Amino acid sequence: MRSPSESRALVANPTPQPSGTAAPPSATPDPSGSAPAAKGTPAPSPPGATGTPKPSAPAPDGKSTPPPPLNPRTVATEEARARVTVPPSVESSAGAGSPQLSFKQMYGIHGRYQRGLSKAQIALNQVAMGRLEHGLALEMSRASFKTARLEGTGVAWGVWPNPKVWAPRHVDGTPDWFVAICYRPGIARVFDLMSSTPAGWRLVASAADTQATPARLPKIATDADGYATSLPENAPGLLATPRQVAAAHLASMAGAEPDPMFADGPWTSDVVQFWQQERAQLEEAGWTLRLSYRQEGPVRALRTSDGGALIWYAARSVDARRAQRVGAKVSLKGSAAIRTANKAFTHSVSATYGRMYVAHVPPAGSTEPVRVLGEWSDVLESHGD
């Protein structure tokens, strides 16, 4: 039996796995929150994994570990390995030599990306990913490959069939971009954002909704030729500008405080509740929790038919835990645990994540809240001492 002076070990998953429900505090501790070894502090009400856009395989029966995060671009089924083809109804209004991206070109670009991604995922080929993705998205994918190698596992792979694409009109002097949205009933809805770069077309953002019943998707407004309308980060006529919405969402999570601008859900209120419970439990054990969510990259937006907008934005988050007194040890769960060799720490431990979101912003004057429609998150690094 341990003496009272012996350390207690808390286990914590540095990224919440939110869903619409939470188990009561008296329930079996779930390592998605700080849970004690032996008699320690009771676990907080842990969110489940059903609303997380990066779940993979469920834990074995009898284990309390929640599903690790799932890359929205790696959810695959045998059925999903079909060839991506351009719908016969799609005809390009862009003539030969026109700078305007045609629908045929968009389907071809996204199809080549998906096929290249599957090959890179099978081989965990980080070099090949550099020819497919750019910026934070590339960093996140390469990090997931590193984690898989450390764990001695692979990542899911496959091609999402029947995507639908939308692109704004070409504007001289600015990169062209388009979105491809794929939906498999009972699996997920995935939002990919492709952009032209000096090195060619690359995926720069992605998010997914893996809830059993995905949130309602607003219709993207298009002109007579089927092209969408892009909006600047400071676009007026919305409940708030795209940049303001992104900043408010990230501030809400960093402060673990709900924001009435946003509808309740797995990537808003559930995350706030998770961090509140996590902080309370850590404080009881003599640890502090500091959160930061820093926006990274541009906020891209497309007008929706209701006068609102769909927006895409990304962030780099850090959750840092630090001991204020001797007594408890903290270990991490999920990908962050793999990165720290499943060690328990007595002084501090932190994890850095890349996060990407898609949200619907209602038009100005609307009584509807902003709805976050999907997320992609992946651990970039974790450290402790």
Protein backbone atom coordinates (compact mmCIF):
# COMPACT_ATOMS: atom_id res chain seq x y z
CA MET A 1 0.00 0.00 0.00
CA ARG A 2 1.28 3.52 -0.79
CA SER A 3 1.98 5.94 1.96
CA PRO A 4 0.33 9.39 1.82
CA SER A 5 3.65 10.93 0.79
CA GLU A 6 3.89 8.88 -2.39
CA SER A 7 3.08 10.54 -5.68
CA ARG A 8 -0.25 10.11 -7.37
CA ALA A 9 -0.28 9.86 -11.17
CA LEU A 10 -2.89 11.74 -13.16
CA VAL A 11 -3.46 10.83 -16.78
CA ALA A 12 -4.56 13.52 -19.17
CA ASN A 13 -5.34 13.71 -22.83
CA PRO A 14 -4.25 17.18 -23.97
CA THR A 15 -6.98 17.41 -26.56
CA PRO A 16 -10.63 16.92 -25.64
CA GLN A 17 -12.73 14.36 -27.46
CA PRO A 18 -16.06 16.20 -27.22
CA SER A 19 -19.51 14.93 -28.00
CA GLY A 20 -22.99 15.98 -27.07
CA THR A 21 -23.03 14.14 -23.75
CA ALA A 22 -20.77 13.74 -20.77
CA ALA A 23 -20.53 11.02 -18.18
CA PRO A 24 -21.16 12.01 -14.56
CA PRO A 25 -18.09 12.70 -12.41
CA SER A 26 -18.64 9.44 -10.56
CA ALA A 27 -18.38 7.41 -13.74
CA THR A 28 -15.30 5.38 -14.67
CA PRO A 29 -12.47 7.84 -15.29
CA ASP A 30 -11.90 8.57 -18.97
CA PRO A 31 -8.34 9.47 -19.94
CA SER A 32 -9.68 12.17 -22.24
CA GLY A 33 -9.52 14.15 -19.01
CA SER A 34 -7.15 14.01 -16.05
CA ALA A 35 -7.94 10.78 -14.23
CA PRO A 36 -6.23 9.52 -11.09
CA ALA A 37 -4.35 6.35 -10.55
CA ALA A 38 -5.57 4.46 -7.50
CA LYS A 39 -7.53 6.75 -5.18
CA GLY A 40 -6.69 10.20 -6.54
CA THR A 41 -8.94 13.00 -7.65
CA PRO A 42 -12.11 11.85 -9.44
CA ALA A 43 -12.14 12.33 -13.20
CA PRO A 44 -14.08 15.22 -14.68
CA SER A 45 -17.18 14.56 -16.75
CA PRO A 46 -15.41 13.32 -19.86
CA PRO A 47 -16.66 14.09 -23.35
CA GLY A 48 -16.87 11.09 -25.62
CA ALA A 49 -15.36 10.81 -29.07
CA THR A 50 -18.40 10.76 -31.32
CA GLY A 51 -18.17 14.40 -32.31
CA THR A 52 -14.42 14.51 -32.79
CA PRO A 53 -13.35 14.96 -36.38
CA LYS A 54 -10.30 12.83 -35.88
CA PRO A 55 -11.48 9.58 -34.21
CA SER A 56 -9.91 6.34 -35.45
CA ALA A 57 -10.54 2.90 -34.03
CA PRO A 58 -12.41 2.52 -30.73
CA ALA A 59 -10.57 1.26 -27.67
CA PRO A 60 -10.81 -2.45 -26.81
CA ASP A 61 -13.63 -3.50 -24.51
CA GLY A 62 -12.86 -2.86 -20.87
CA LYS A 63 -10.50 0.02 -21.57
CA SER A 64 -11.40 3.59 -20.73
CA THR A 65 -9.11 5.18 -23.29
CA PRO A 66 -11.18 7.11 -25.84
CA PRO A 67 -10.59 6.75 -29.56
CA PRO A 68 -7.54 8.74 -30.64
CA PRO A 69 -8.13 11.69 -32.96
CA LEU A 70 -8.83 10.86 -36.58
CA ASN A 71 -7.53 12.67 -39.62
CA PRO A 72 -10.64 13.66 -41.59
CA ARG A 73 -8.82 12.84 -44.80
CA THR A 74 -8.06 9.27 -43.74
CA VAL A 75 -11.51 7.86 -43.01
CA ALA A 76 -11.74 5.12 -45.58
CA THR A 77 -13.88 2.13 -46.38
CA GLU A 78 -13.62 -0.50 -49.08
CA GLU A 79 -16.48 1.30 -50.75
CA ALA A 80 -14.59 4.58 -50.61
CA ARG A 81 -11.72 3.38 -52.75
CA ALA A 82 -13.59 4.16 -55.93
CA ARG A 83 -12.15 6.29 -58.69
CA VAL A 84 -13.05 9.95 -58.49
CA THR A 85 -14.78 11.04 -61.68
CA VAL A 86 -16.20 14.32 -62.88
CA PRO A 87 -20.00 14.30 -62.79
CA PRO A 88 -21.31 14.22 -66.37
CA SER A 89 -23.53 17.22 -65.62
CA VAL A 90 -20.51 19.44 -64.96
CA GLU A 91 -19.47 21.55 -67.92
CA SER A 92 -16.82 24.25 -67.75
CA SER A 93 -17.69 27.83 -68.63
CA ALA A 94 -13.99 28.71 -68.73
CA GLY A 95 -12.61 28.66 -72.24
CA ALA A 96 -9.22 27.28 -73.26
CA GLY A 97 -6.41 29.48 -71.96
CA SER A 98 -8.72 31.23 -69.50
CA PRO A 99 -7.25 31.93 -66.04
CA GLN A 100 -10.57 30.85 -64.56
CA LEU A 101 -10.36 27.38 -63.02
CA SER A 102 -12.82 25.00 -64.68
CA PHE A 103 -14.89 22.43 -62.84
CA LYS A 104 -13.13 19.65 -64.72
CA GLN A 105 -9.80 20.99 -63.52
CA MET A 106 -11.04 21.16 -59.92
CA TYR A 107 -12.22 17.55 -59.91
CA GLY A 108 -8.94 16.47 -61.50
CA ILE A 109 -6.82 18.37 -58.96
CA HIS A 110 -8.71 17.00 -55.99
CA GLY A 111 -8.76 13.47 -57.41
CA ARG A 112 -4.99 13.50 -57.94
CA TYR A 113 -4.56 14.83 -54.41
CA GLN A 114 -6.67 12.02 -52.94
CA ARG A 115 -4.84 9.30 -54.85
CA GLY A 116 -1.45 10.76 -53.93
CA LEU A 117 -2.53 11.08 -50.31
CA SER A 118 -3.55 7.42 -50.13
CA LYS A 119 -0.18 6.30 -51.48
CA ALA A 120 1.67 8.55 -49.04
CA GLN A 121 -0.44 7.30 -46.12
CA ILE A 122 0.23 3.66 -46.92
CA ALA A 123 3.99 4.28 -46.95
CA LEU A 124 3.98 7.02 -44.27
CA ASN A 125 5.94 9.00 -46.84
CA GLN A 126 6.61 12.46 -45.41
CA VAL A 127 8.51 13.58 -48.52
CA ALA A 128 5.55 12.78 -50.76
CA MET A 129 3.28 14.83 -48.50
CA GLY A 130 5.30 17.89 -49.43
CA ARG A 131 3.98 17.52 -52.97
CA LEU A 132 0.39 17.32 -51.74
CA GLU A 133 -0.07 19.73 -48.84
CA HIS A 134 1.21 23.07 -47.64
CA GLY A 135 1.62 25.05 -44.41
CA LEU A 136 0.02 23.86 -41.19
CA ALA A 137 -1.85 21.06 -42.99
CA LEU A 138 1.46 19.59 -44.14
CA GLU A 139 2.94 19.94 -40.66
CA MET A 140 -0.06 18.15 -39.15
CA SER A 141 0.04 15.25 -41.62
CA ARG A 142 3.78 14.75 -41.20
CA ALA A 143 3.34 14.82 -37.42
CA SER A 144 0.66 12.11 -37.63
CA PHE A 145 3.05 9.96 -39.70
CA LYS A 146 5.77 10.44 -37.07
CA THR A 147 3.38 9.41 -34.32
CA ALA A 148 2.33 6.31 -36.26
CA ARG A 149 5.96 5.30 -36.78
CA LEU A 150 6.74 5.76 -33.08
CA GLU A 151 3.73 3.61 -32.21
CA GLY A 152 4.55 1.02 -34.85
CA THR A 153 1.20 1.43 -36.60
CA GLY A 154 -0.12 2.90 -39.82
CA VAL A 155 -2.77 5.43 -40.70
CA ALA A 156 -6.09 4.87 -42.42
CA TRP A 157 -6.13 5.49 -46.15
CA GLY A 158 -8.56 5.60 -49.03
CA VAL A 159 -10.29 7.85 -51.55
CA TRP A 160 -13.52 9.69 -50.82
CA PRO A 161 -15.89 9.19 -53.76
CA ASN A 162 -18.26 11.71 -55.30
CA PRO A 163 -16.93 15.02 -53.99
CA LYS A 164 -18.70 18.26 -54.86
CA VAL A 165 -16.59 21.32 -55.61
CA TRP A 166 -17.06 25.07 -55.37
CA ALA A 167 -14.65 27.79 -56.41
CA PRO A 168 -14.77 31.59 -56.42
CA ARG A 169 -14.05 33.55 -59.57
CA HIS A 170 -10.40 34.11 -60.49
CA VAL A 171 -8.94 37.39 -59.26
CA ASP A 172 -5.66 38.55 -60.80
CA GLY A 173 -2.84 38.73 -58.29
CA THR A 174 -4.38 36.38 -55.74
CA PRO A 175 -4.06 32.58 -55.39
CA ASP A 176 -6.88 30.52 -56.83
CA TRP A 177 -8.61 28.15 -54.42
CA PHE A 178 -11.60 25.86 -54.20
CA VAL A 179 -13.34 23.56 -51.72
CA ALA A 180 -14.30 19.92 -52.17
CA ILE A 181 -16.94 18.52 -49.83
CA CYS A 182 -17.42 14.75 -49.51
CA TYR A 183 -20.09 12.98 -47.52
CA ARG A 184 -20.47 9.32 -46.62
CA PRO A 185 -23.65 8.65 -44.58
CA GLY A 186 -22.78 7.16 -41.23
CA ILE A 187 -19.07 7.95 -41.63
CA ALA A 188 -18.31 11.64 -42.03
CA ARG A 189 -18.63 14.84 -44.00
CA VAL A 190 -15.20 16.14 -45.04
CA PHE A 191 -14.32 19.67 -46.15
CA ASP A 192 -11.07 19.97 -48.16
CA LEU A 193 -9.68 23.33 -49.24
CA MET A 194 -7.18 23.32 -52.11
CA SER A 195 -5.09 26.35 -53.06
CA SER A 196 -2.63 27.23 -55.80
CA THR A 197 0.90 27.81 -54.48
CA PRO A 198 4.22 28.61 -56.20
CA ALA A 199 4.91 24.86 -56.12
CA GLY A 200 1.51 23.86 -57.54
CA TRP A 201 -1.86 22.89 -56.12
CA ARG A 202 -1.81 21.87 -52.46
CA LEU A 203 -4.33 21.07 -49.72
CA VAL A 204 -4.08 23.90 -47.16
CA ALA A 205 -7.07 23.20 -44.91
CA SER A 206 -9.41 20.37 -44.02
CA ALA A 207 -12.07 19.60 -41.43
CA ALA A 208 -14.67 16.91 -40.81
CA ASP A 209 -17.89 16.18 -38.98
CA THR A 210 -18.04 12.54 -37.87
CA GLN A 211 -21.25 12.82 -35.84
CA ALA A 212 -23.85 10.16 -36.59
CA THR A 213 -26.09 12.94 -37.90
CA PRO A 214 -23.95 15.76 -39.28
CA ALA A 215 -25.03 19.33 -38.75
CA ARG A 216 -27.12 20.96 -41.47
CA LEU A 217 -24.89 22.22 -44.27
CA PRO A 218 -25.90 25.64 -45.63
CA LYS A 219 -26.09 26.00 -49.39
CA ILE A 220 -23.18 27.79 -51.03
CA ALA A 221 -24.40 30.63 -53.26
CA THR A 222 -23.35 30.42 -56.90
CA ASP A 223 -23.74 32.53 -60.03
CA ALA A 224 -25.28 31.45 -63.33
CA ASP A 225 -22.10 29.55 -64.24
CA GLY A 226 -21.89 27.75 -60.91
CA TYR A 227 -19.08 29.80 -59.36
CA ALA A 228 -19.13 30.90 -55.73
CA THR A 229 -18.38 34.30 -54.23
CA SER A 230 -15.36 34.68 -51.96
CA LEU A 231 -15.49 37.17 -49.11
CA PRO A 232 -12.61 39.06 -47.47
CA GLU A 233 -11.66 38.51 -43.83
CA ASN A 234 -13.30 41.83 -42.90
CA ALA A 235 -16.46 41.28 -44.97
CA PRO A 236 -19.45 43.32 -43.72
CA GLY A 237 -23.06 42.16 -43.74
CA LEU A 238 -22.46 39.19 -41.44
CA LEU A 239 -23.17 38.57 -37.77
CA ALA A 240 -19.47 39.37 -37.38
CA THR A 241 -16.61 39.49 -39.88
CA PRO A 242 -14.94 36.17 -40.69
CA ARG A 243 -11.78 37.22 -38.82
CA GLN A 244 -13.80 38.32 -35.79
CA VAL A 245 -15.62 34.98 -35.69
CA ALA A 246 -12.37 33.01 -35.87
CA ALA A 247 -10.81 35.15 -33.14
CA ALA A 248 -13.87 34.82 -30.88
CA HIS A 249 -14.01 31.05 -31.26
CA LEU A 250 -10.33 30.61 -30.42
CA ALA A 251 -10.59 33.03 -27.49
CA SER A 252 -13.54 31.07 -26.09
CA MET A 253 -11.56 27.84 -26.07
CA ALA A 254 -8.35 29.42 -24.78
CA GLY A 255 -10.27 31.04 -21.93
CA ALA A 256 -12.48 27.98 -21.35
CA GLU A 257 -15.44 30.35 -21.36
CA PRO A 258 -18.59 29.94 -23.50
CA ASP A 259 -19.36 32.62 -26.06
CA PRO A 260 -23.06 33.25 -26.83
CA MET A 261 -22.11 34.01 -30.43
CA PHE A 262 -21.73 30.26 -31.00
CA ALA A 263 -24.20 27.39 -30.97
CA ASP A 264 -23.55 24.62 -28.49
CA GLY A 265 -21.75 21.66 -29.99
CA PRO A 266 -18.75 19.35 -30.04
CA TRP A 267 -16.27 22.07 -31.05
CA THR A 268 -17.63 24.89 -28.88
CA SER A 269 -19.48 24.32 -25.60
CA ASP A 270 -18.27 20.73 -25.18
CA VAL A 271 -14.64 21.82 -25.47
CA VAL A 272 -15.20 24.66 -22.99
CA GLN A 273 -16.78 22.26 -20.51
CA PHE A 274 -13.96 19.79 -20.95
CA TRP A 275 -11.27 22.38 -20.20
CA GLN A 276 -13.18 23.73 -17.21
CA GLN A 277 -13.38 20.26 -15.69
CA GLU A 278 -9.79 19.49 -16.61
CA ARG A 279 -8.54 22.67 -14.93
CA ALA A 280 -10.61 22.08 -11.78
CA GLN A 281 -9.27 18.59 -11.33
CA LEU A 282 -5.67 19.57 -11.98
CA GLU A 283 -5.92 22.45 -9.52
CA GLU A 284 -7.22 20.07 -6.86
CA ALA A 285 -4.14 17.92 -7.47
CA GLY A 286 -1.81 20.92 -7.22
CA TRP A 287 -1.32 21.56 -10.94
CA THR A 288 -2.19 24.51 -13.17
CA LEU A 289 -3.47 24.46 -16.75
CA ARG A 290 -2.64 27.22 -19.23
CA LEU A 291 -4.30 27.23 -22.66
CA SER A 292 -3.48 29.19 -25.79
CA TYR A 293 -5.06 29.09 -29.25
CA ARG A 294 -3.22 31.23 -31.81
CA GLN A 295 -4.76 31.76 -35.23
CA GLU A 296 -2.54 30.70 -38.10
CA GLY A 297 -2.96 31.57 -41.77
CA PRO A 298 -5.78 33.41 -43.53
CA VAL A 299 -9.53 33.12 -42.94
CA ARG A 300 -11.18 32.06 -46.18
CA ALA A 301 -14.90 32.54 -46.79
CA LEU A 302 -17.59 31.72 -49.35
CA ARG A 303 -21.01 33.39 -49.47
CA THR A 304 -23.97 31.16 -48.62
CA SER A 305 -27.44 31.45 -50.13
CA ASP A 306 -28.87 32.76 -46.84
CA GLY A 307 -26.60 35.81 -47.02
CA GLY A 308 -24.14 34.34 -44.53
CA ALA A 309 -20.82 32.65 -45.14
CA LEU A 310 -18.89 29.42 -44.73
CA ILE A 311 -15.47 30.18 -43.29
CA TRP A 312 -12.29 28.15 -42.87
CA TYR A 313 -9.60 29.01 -40.33
CA ALA A 314 -6.75 27.35 -38.45
CA ALA A 315 -4.89 27.64 -35.17
CA ARG A 316 -1.94 26.32 -33.23
CA SER A 317 -2.93 25.45 -29.67
CA VAL A 318 -0.83 24.71 -26.60
CA ASP A 319 -2.10 23.19 -23.36
CA ALA A 320 0.54 23.43 -20.66
CA ARG A 321 0.25 21.80 -17.25
CA ARG A 322 2.60 22.74 -14.40
CA ALA A 323 2.92 21.41 -10.85
CA GLN A 324 2.52 23.94 -8.03
CA ARG A 325 3.35 21.51 -5.25
CA VAL A 326 4.95 18.10 -4.83
CA GLY A 327 2.60 15.16 -4.90
CA ALA A 328 0.97 14.33 -8.23
CA LYS A 329 2.47 13.11 -11.46
CA VAL A 330 0.80 13.72 -14.81
CA SER A 331 1.04 11.59 -17.91
CA LEU A 332 -0.60 12.18 -21.26
CA LYS A 333 -2.90 10.02 -23.36
CA GLY A 334 -3.40 9.51 -27.06
CA SER A 335 -0.86 10.77 -29.60
CA ALA A 336 0.73 13.11 -27.07
CA ALA A 337 1.50 10.12 -24.82
CA ILE A 338 3.23 8.37 -27.69
CA ARG A 339 5.35 11.47 -28.24
CA THR A 340 6.39 11.44 -24.58
CA ALA A 341 7.03 7.68 -24.44
CA ASN A 342 4.07 7.23 -22.06
CA LYS A 343 6.03 8.78 -19.21
CA ALA A 344 4.58 10.44 -16.10
CA PHE A 345 5.93 13.88 -15.17
CA THR A 346 6.39 15.61 -11.83
CA HIS A 347 7.03 19.23 -12.88
CA SER A 348 5.39 20.10 -16.20
CA VAL A 349 3.96 18.64 -19.38
CA SER A 350 2.57 20.29 -22.51
CA ALA A 351 1.23 19.44 -25.95
CA THR A 352 1.02 21.52 -29.10
CA TYR A 353 -1.71 20.85 -31.65
CA GLY A 354 -2.59 22.02 -35.12
CA ARG A 355 -6.32 22.67 -35.44
CA MET A 356 -8.53 23.54 -38.40
CA TYR A 357 -12.20 24.52 -38.42
CA VAL A 358 -15.09 25.24 -40.76
CA ALA A 359 -18.03 27.33 -39.53
CA HIS A 360 -21.22 28.95 -40.80
CA VAL A 361 -21.67 32.64 -40.02
CA PRO A 362 -25.27 33.94 -40.36
CA PRO A 363 -26.02 37.26 -42.04
CA ALA A 364 -26.18 40.49 -40.04
CA GLY A 365 -29.46 40.84 -38.15
CA SER A 366 -29.98 37.10 -37.88
CA THR A 367 -30.99 35.61 -34.55
CA GLU A 368 -29.15 32.40 -35.40
CA PRO A 369 -25.75 31.71 -33.79
CA VAL A 370 -22.52 30.81 -35.54
CA ARG A 371 -22.29 27.04 -35.99
CA VAL A 372 -18.90 25.31 -36.10
CA LEU A 373 -19.39 22.46 -38.58
CA GLY A 374 -16.17 20.48 -38.33
CA GLU A 375 -12.60 20.23 -37.10
CA TRP A 376 -9.30 18.54 -37.85
CA SER A 377 -6.69 18.33 -35.09
CA ASP A 378 -3.37 16.57 -34.76
CA VAL A 379 -0.64 16.63 -32.13
CA LEU A 380 2.50 18.39 -33.36
CA GLU A 381 4.72 17.85 -30.34
CA SER A 382 4.59 17.14 -26.61
CA HIS A 383 7.15 17.56 -23.83
CA GLY A 384 7.46 17.05 -20.10
CA ASP A 385 9.86 16.95 -17.19
